[in-house]
Amino acid sequence: MEAQTSFAELPEEQQPDHMGVESSDCVHWMVDYICRHREPVKLLLCRSEGTSYEHFVHNMVEVEVEYTLKYMDVLRRLGREIPELDEQMCHIIASGMFNGIFEIVIHDMPEGKALRYVDQLRDFYTAGRLKLMGPKIPQNTIENKKEIPPGSGVCTSQTNRRPGGKGAPFFFTG
């Protein structure tokens, strides 16, 4: 999974600033690919039992979990205060996210609707990521309406999303 490896190759101090930026492009690429190759993707997802592709989604989830755990270690080394999320919990979250994305092909959704749903799914997972792992912003900072520092990982509006590049664990899409 190119997105995860290229993200992990960034210098650790740059990773929080790139979290979710590049993965948006990867998710849109996935939707485009799925919509252009509906039949083979649907066979892979719905009819691969007993073949070497039987664990395709599970294997994707395992890669996601591996890189999510690595990123959590990076955040801790950078002094971020994040809760303990074990491998099983990360697996449950990543599995839910990937299976949500693949619903677009299982239910034959048109591309426009698929993109809208995937963006809403990303928003949903972004909110969860920020709740679990986002920067712990002191309440008085918000009450005093002080500016949130750049690179804090907090997206204050849709316009803060930057285009381009690749790489970030999808679990932490934002």
Foldseek 3Di string as FASTA:
>chain_A
DVQLVVLVPPPLLCNLLCFQQFVLVVLLVVLVVCQVVLPVVLCLVPPCPPHPSVCVLVVVLLVLLVSVVVNVVSCVVVVADFDDDDSVNSSVLSSVLVVQLCVCSNVVPDSVVSSVSNVVSLVVLQVVCCVGGQGDDPPVCVVVVPDDDRSSNDDPDPVPRDHDDGHDRSSNHD
